[in-house]
N, C-alpha and C. Protein backbone atom coordinates (compact mmCIF):
# COMPACT_ATOMS: atom_id res chain seq x y z
N UNK A 1 -51.36 11.56 -169.11
CA UNK A 1 -50.42 10.96 -170.14
C UNK A 1 -51.29 10.78 -171.41
N UNK A 2 -50.67 11.04 -172.60
CA UNK A 2 -51.35 10.95 -173.85
C UNK A 2 -50.69 9.89 -174.74
N UNK A 3 -51.52 9.13 -175.33
CA UNK A 3 -50.93 8.06 -176.32
C UNK A 3 -51.69 8.25 -177.55
N UNK A 4 -51.05 8.36 -178.72
CA UNK A 4 -51.61 8.32 -180.06
C UNK A 4 -52.07 6.97 -180.44
N UNK A 5 -53.32 6.60 -180.40
CA UNK A 5 -53.79 5.24 -180.67
C UNK A 5 -53.54 4.72 -182.03
N UNK A 6 -53.54 5.68 -182.96
CA UNK A 6 -53.25 5.28 -184.44
C UNK A 6 -51.81 4.81 -184.57
N UNK A 7 -50.92 5.34 -183.89
CA UNK A 7 -49.39 4.91 -183.97
C UNK A 7 -49.15 3.63 -183.38
N UNK A 8 -50.15 3.06 -182.61
CA UNK A 8 -49.94 1.76 -182.00
C UNK A 8 -50.02 0.66 -182.87
N UNK A 9 -50.70 0.80 -184.15
CA UNK A 9 -50.88 -0.18 -185.10
C UNK A 9 -51.86 -1.29 -184.66
N UNK A 10 -52.92 -0.92 -184.04
CA UNK A 10 -53.93 -1.94 -183.47
C UNK A 10 -54.74 -2.43 -184.67
N UNK A 11 -55.17 -3.69 -184.68
CA UNK A 11 -56.15 -4.10 -185.62
C UNK A 11 -57.47 -3.43 -185.47
N UNK A 12 -58.34 -3.44 -186.44
CA UNK A 12 -59.71 -2.69 -186.42
C UNK A 12 -60.52 -3.13 -185.27
N UNK A 13 -60.61 -4.44 -185.01
CA UNK A 13 -61.46 -4.95 -183.92
C UNK A 13 -60.92 -4.38 -182.58
N UNK A 14 -59.66 -4.33 -182.44
CA UNK A 14 -59.01 -3.96 -181.07
C UNK A 14 -59.25 -2.42 -180.98
N UNK A 15 -59.14 -1.71 -182.07
CA UNK A 15 -59.36 -0.18 -181.93
C UNK A 15 -60.79 0.08 -181.62
N UNK A 16 -61.72 -0.66 -182.26
CA UNK A 16 -63.24 -0.38 -181.92
C UNK A 16 -63.51 -0.72 -180.50
N UNK A 17 -62.91 -1.84 -179.96
CA UNK A 17 -63.14 -2.20 -178.52
C UNK A 17 -62.55 -1.13 -177.57
N UNK A 18 -61.30 -0.66 -178.01
CA UNK A 18 -60.60 0.23 -177.18
C UNK A 18 -61.39 1.56 -177.12
N UNK A 19 -61.99 1.94 -178.30
CA UNK A 19 -62.90 3.17 -178.39
C UNK A 19 -64.06 2.95 -177.44
N UNK A 20 -64.65 1.82 -177.39
CA UNK A 20 -65.74 1.53 -176.50
C UNK A 20 -65.35 1.51 -175.05
N UNK A 21 -64.22 0.97 -174.77
CA UNK A 21 -63.74 0.89 -173.36
C UNK A 21 -63.30 2.21 -172.85
N UNK A 22 -62.54 3.02 -173.72
CA UNK A 22 -62.05 4.25 -173.14
C UNK A 22 -63.14 5.24 -173.03
N UNK A 23 -64.17 5.33 -173.91
CA UNK A 23 -65.25 6.36 -173.74
C UNK A 23 -64.69 7.68 -173.94
N UNK A 24 -64.90 8.59 -172.88
CA UNK A 24 -64.46 9.95 -173.15
C UNK A 24 -62.90 10.22 -172.99
N UNK A 25 -62.17 9.18 -172.57
CA UNK A 25 -60.83 9.35 -172.51
C UNK A 25 -60.12 9.34 -173.79
N UNK A 26 -60.84 8.93 -174.90
CA UNK A 26 -60.30 8.89 -176.26
C UNK A 26 -60.76 10.15 -176.89
N UNK A 27 -59.94 11.01 -177.36
CA UNK A 27 -60.22 12.23 -178.04
C UNK A 27 -60.54 11.90 -179.46
N UNK A 28 -61.18 13.04 -180.12
CA UNK A 28 -61.57 12.73 -181.65
C UNK A 28 -60.25 12.76 -182.43
N UNK A 29 -59.16 13.22 -181.94
CA UNK A 29 -57.89 13.09 -182.83
C UNK A 29 -57.22 11.72 -182.62
N UNK A 30 -57.76 10.93 -181.83
CA UNK A 30 -57.29 9.50 -181.64
C UNK A 30 -56.22 9.46 -180.58
N UNK A 31 -56.25 10.39 -179.63
CA UNK A 31 -55.29 10.31 -178.46
C UNK A 31 -56.04 9.79 -177.22
N UNK A 32 -55.37 8.90 -176.55
CA UNK A 32 -55.92 8.29 -175.27
C UNK A 32 -55.32 9.12 -174.28
N UNK A 33 -56.21 9.77 -173.36
CA UNK A 33 -55.73 10.67 -172.28
C UNK A 33 -55.96 9.87 -171.02
N UNK A 34 -55.00 9.69 -170.21
CA UNK A 34 -55.08 9.05 -168.91
C UNK A 34 -54.55 9.87 -167.89
N UNK A 35 -55.25 10.29 -166.88
CA UNK A 35 -54.76 11.10 -165.73
C UNK A 35 -54.55 10.18 -164.49
N UNK A 36 -53.42 10.44 -163.88
CA UNK A 36 -53.12 9.69 -162.64
C UNK A 36 -52.65 10.58 -161.58
N UNK A 37 -53.44 10.59 -160.46
CA UNK A 37 -53.19 11.41 -159.26
C UNK A 37 -53.20 10.61 -158.05
N UNK A 38 -53.12 9.45 -158.16
CA UNK A 38 -53.26 8.38 -157.03
C UNK A 38 -52.08 8.54 -156.09
N UNK A 39 -50.90 8.79 -156.55
CA UNK A 39 -49.69 8.85 -155.68
C UNK A 39 -49.19 10.11 -155.41
N UNK A 40 -48.23 10.25 -154.53
CA UNK A 40 -47.63 11.63 -154.21
C UNK A 40 -46.58 12.01 -155.16
N UNK A 41 -45.90 11.00 -155.79
CA UNK A 41 -44.77 11.27 -156.61
C UNK A 41 -45.24 11.25 -158.14
N UNK A 42 -44.53 12.00 -158.89
CA UNK A 42 -44.87 12.04 -160.39
C UNK A 42 -44.45 10.70 -161.06
N UNK A 43 -43.34 10.14 -160.55
CA UNK A 43 -42.91 8.95 -161.16
C UNK A 43 -43.82 7.72 -160.90
N UNK A 44 -44.35 7.74 -159.70
CA UNK A 44 -45.41 6.63 -159.35
C UNK A 44 -46.62 6.83 -160.11
N UNK A 45 -47.03 8.09 -160.26
CA UNK A 45 -48.30 8.43 -161.10
C UNK A 45 -48.21 7.99 -162.61
N UNK A 46 -46.96 8.26 -163.16
CA UNK A 46 -46.56 7.81 -164.46
C UNK A 46 -46.68 6.35 -164.59
N UNK A 47 -46.08 5.58 -163.68
CA UNK A 47 -46.07 4.21 -163.73
C UNK A 47 -47.50 3.66 -163.67
N UNK A 48 -48.35 4.28 -162.84
CA UNK A 48 -49.72 3.90 -162.57
C UNK A 48 -50.49 4.11 -163.88
N UNK A 49 -50.30 5.32 -164.66
CA UNK A 49 -50.87 5.62 -165.85
C UNK A 49 -50.53 4.64 -166.87
N UNK A 50 -49.17 4.23 -167.01
CA UNK A 50 -48.74 3.30 -167.95
C UNK A 50 -49.35 1.97 -167.81
N UNK A 51 -49.49 1.53 -166.47
CA UNK A 51 -50.13 0.20 -166.16
C UNK A 51 -51.62 0.28 -166.67
N UNK A 52 -52.31 1.36 -166.37
CA UNK A 52 -53.70 1.47 -166.81
C UNK A 52 -53.99 1.48 -168.34
N UNK A 53 -53.00 2.15 -168.96
CA UNK A 53 -53.05 2.13 -170.52
C UNK A 53 -52.75 0.68 -171.06
N UNK A 54 -51.74 0.05 -170.53
CA UNK A 54 -51.51 -1.35 -170.99
C UNK A 54 -52.64 -2.24 -170.57
N UNK A 55 -53.35 -2.00 -169.54
CA UNK A 55 -54.50 -2.90 -169.19
C UNK A 55 -55.65 -2.72 -170.21
N UNK A 56 -55.83 -1.34 -170.50
CA UNK A 56 -56.93 -1.02 -171.52
C UNK A 56 -56.65 -1.72 -172.89
N UNK A 57 -55.31 -1.52 -173.28
CA UNK A 57 -54.98 -2.06 -174.67
C UNK A 57 -55.08 -3.64 -174.58
N UNK A 58 -54.63 -4.30 -173.62
CA UNK A 58 -54.76 -5.71 -173.42
C UNK A 58 -56.18 -6.21 -173.47
N UNK A 59 -57.05 -5.37 -172.81
CA UNK A 59 -58.55 -5.75 -172.67
C UNK A 59 -59.20 -5.62 -174.11
N UNK A 60 -58.63 -4.59 -174.86
CA UNK A 60 -59.18 -4.30 -176.21
C UNK A 60 -58.89 -5.51 -177.12
N UNK A 61 -57.92 -6.35 -176.89
CA UNK A 61 -57.69 -7.43 -177.79
C UNK A 61 -58.45 -8.60 -177.53
N UNK A 62 -59.22 -8.63 -176.37
CA UNK A 62 -60.11 -9.79 -175.98
C UNK A 62 -61.42 -9.53 -176.70
N UNK A 63 -61.70 -10.56 -177.56
CA UNK A 63 -62.95 -10.50 -178.28
C UNK A 63 -64.19 -11.00 -177.45
N UNK A 64 -65.34 -10.38 -177.77
CA UNK A 64 -66.44 -10.80 -177.09
C UNK A 64 -66.96 -12.10 -177.52
N UNK A 65 -67.47 -13.03 -176.60
CA UNK A 65 -68.05 -14.18 -177.10
C UNK A 65 -69.30 -13.99 -178.04
N UNK A 66 -69.28 -15.00 -179.04
CA UNK A 66 -70.45 -14.83 -180.01
C UNK A 66 -71.82 -15.12 -179.24
N UNK A 67 -72.80 -14.46 -179.64
CA UNK A 67 -74.17 -14.71 -179.07
C UNK A 67 -74.80 -15.88 -179.79
N UNK A 68 -75.30 -16.73 -178.95
CA UNK A 68 -76.01 -17.98 -179.45
C UNK A 68 -77.42 -17.56 -179.76
N UNK A 69 -77.83 -17.65 -181.00
CA UNK A 69 -79.27 -17.18 -181.28
C UNK A 69 -80.20 -18.32 -180.85
N UNK A 70 -81.34 -17.83 -180.34
CA UNK A 70 -82.32 -18.72 -179.85
C UNK A 70 -83.65 -18.50 -180.58
N UNK A 71 -84.53 -19.41 -180.53
CA UNK A 71 -85.79 -19.38 -181.19
C UNK A 71 -86.89 -19.52 -180.13
N UNK A 72 -88.03 -18.81 -180.24
CA UNK A 72 -89.19 -19.10 -179.31
C UNK A 72 -89.72 -20.48 -179.44
N UNK A 73 -90.06 -21.07 -178.33
CA UNK A 73 -90.62 -22.43 -178.26
C UNK A 73 -92.01 -22.42 -178.93
N UNK A 74 -92.44 -23.67 -179.26
CA UNK A 74 -93.83 -23.81 -179.86
C UNK A 74 -94.85 -23.31 -178.81
N UNK A 75 -94.74 -23.54 -177.63
CA UNK A 75 -95.66 -23.04 -176.51
C UNK A 75 -95.63 -21.50 -176.55
N UNK A 76 -94.48 -20.86 -176.63
CA UNK A 76 -94.51 -19.44 -176.69
C UNK A 76 -95.16 -18.88 -177.87
N UNK A 77 -94.90 -19.53 -179.02
CA UNK A 77 -95.68 -19.03 -180.22
C UNK A 77 -97.05 -19.16 -180.15
N UNK A 78 -97.58 -20.33 -179.55
CA UNK A 78 -98.97 -20.49 -179.34
C UNK A 78 -99.59 -19.43 -178.33
N UNK A 79 -98.82 -19.13 -177.25
CA UNK A 79 -99.36 -18.10 -176.30
C UNK A 79 -99.48 -16.74 -177.03
N UNK A 80 -98.41 -16.45 -177.90
CA UNK A 80 -98.60 -15.16 -178.55
C UNK A 80 -99.74 -15.02 -179.47
N UNK A 81 -100.00 -16.11 -180.24
CA UNK A 81 -101.04 -16.03 -181.17
C UNK A 81 -102.44 -16.10 -180.38
N UNK A 82 -102.53 -16.76 -179.29
CA UNK A 82 -103.73 -16.67 -178.42
C UNK A 82 -103.91 -15.24 -177.92
N UNK A 83 -102.87 -14.63 -177.50
CA UNK A 83 -103.03 -13.17 -177.00
C UNK A 83 -103.38 -12.25 -178.07
N UNK A 84 -102.90 -12.55 -179.36
CA UNK A 84 -103.31 -11.62 -180.48
C UNK A 84 -104.74 -11.93 -180.71
N UNK A 85 -105.24 -13.16 -180.66
CA UNK A 85 -106.65 -13.38 -181.05
C UNK A 85 -107.50 -12.81 -179.94
N UNK A 86 -107.09 -12.83 -178.67
CA UNK A 86 -107.89 -12.17 -177.69
C UNK A 86 -107.94 -10.68 -177.85
N UNK A 87 -106.97 -9.99 -178.21
CA UNK A 87 -106.89 -8.71 -178.40
C UNK A 87 -107.81 -8.32 -179.56
N UNK A 88 -107.83 -9.14 -180.58
CA UNK A 88 -108.57 -8.87 -181.82
C UNK A 88 -110.11 -8.94 -181.46
N UNK A 89 -110.47 -9.99 -180.49
CA UNK A 89 -111.79 -10.04 -180.06
C UNK A 89 -112.28 -8.86 -179.23
N UNK A 90 -111.39 -8.29 -178.40
CA UNK A 90 -111.61 -7.10 -177.63
C UNK A 90 -111.92 -5.92 -178.61
N UNK A 91 -110.98 -5.76 -179.51
CA UNK A 91 -111.17 -4.57 -180.46
C UNK A 91 -112.41 -4.76 -181.36
N UNK A 92 -112.79 -5.89 -181.73
CA UNK A 92 -113.89 -6.25 -182.59
C UNK A 92 -115.24 -5.88 -181.75
N UNK A 93 -115.11 -6.05 -180.45
CA UNK A 93 -116.32 -5.73 -179.62
C UNK A 93 -116.55 -4.19 -179.42
N UNK A 94 -115.69 -3.41 -179.75
CA UNK A 94 -115.70 -2.02 -179.52
C UNK A 94 -116.54 -1.14 -180.64
N UNK A 95 -117.15 -1.85 -181.55
CA UNK A 95 -117.91 -1.23 -182.50
C UNK A 95 -119.28 -0.68 -181.97
N UNK A 96 -120.02 0.06 -182.95
CA UNK A 96 -121.31 0.48 -182.41
C UNK A 96 -122.29 -0.67 -182.07
N UNK A 97 -123.14 -0.42 -181.08
CA UNK A 97 -124.10 -1.49 -180.80
C UNK A 97 -125.40 -1.21 -181.48
N UNK A 98 -125.97 -2.15 -182.24
CA UNK A 98 -127.23 -2.01 -182.95
C UNK A 98 -128.29 -2.58 -182.10
N UNK A 99 -129.34 -1.81 -181.89
CA UNK A 99 -130.46 -2.25 -181.13
C UNK A 99 -131.58 -2.86 -182.04
N UNK A 100 -131.57 -4.12 -182.27
CA UNK A 100 -132.50 -4.77 -183.08
C UNK A 100 -133.69 -5.34 -182.39
C-alpha cells in the first residue's frame, strides 16, 4: 500500500519524525510503502497495512522529551585536571637524558 506523505498535510516535526521512523519504507518521492502479507486474504492484509500506517502516523506526532543538560561535578573536573597533569608529567619525562 502506498500513501503520499505530502498530501497528508503533516506539520514539519511530524514529517521529520515519520521520516525517521519509516526509514527505507519512505521513498525519495515522499511515498510511504507498507507491504502486508500476514493474512491469507487481500482484505485482511489491506486492513493490517492501514492499521500499521495509522500507527506510524500517530507515533510521528509524539514529540521526544527534551534532554536535561547536565554539568560535570567539581570532583569530576578535579579528576580530569589531575589526569591531564599526570599525562603532562609522563610526556615531559620522555625527553633526552643528559649525563652530567
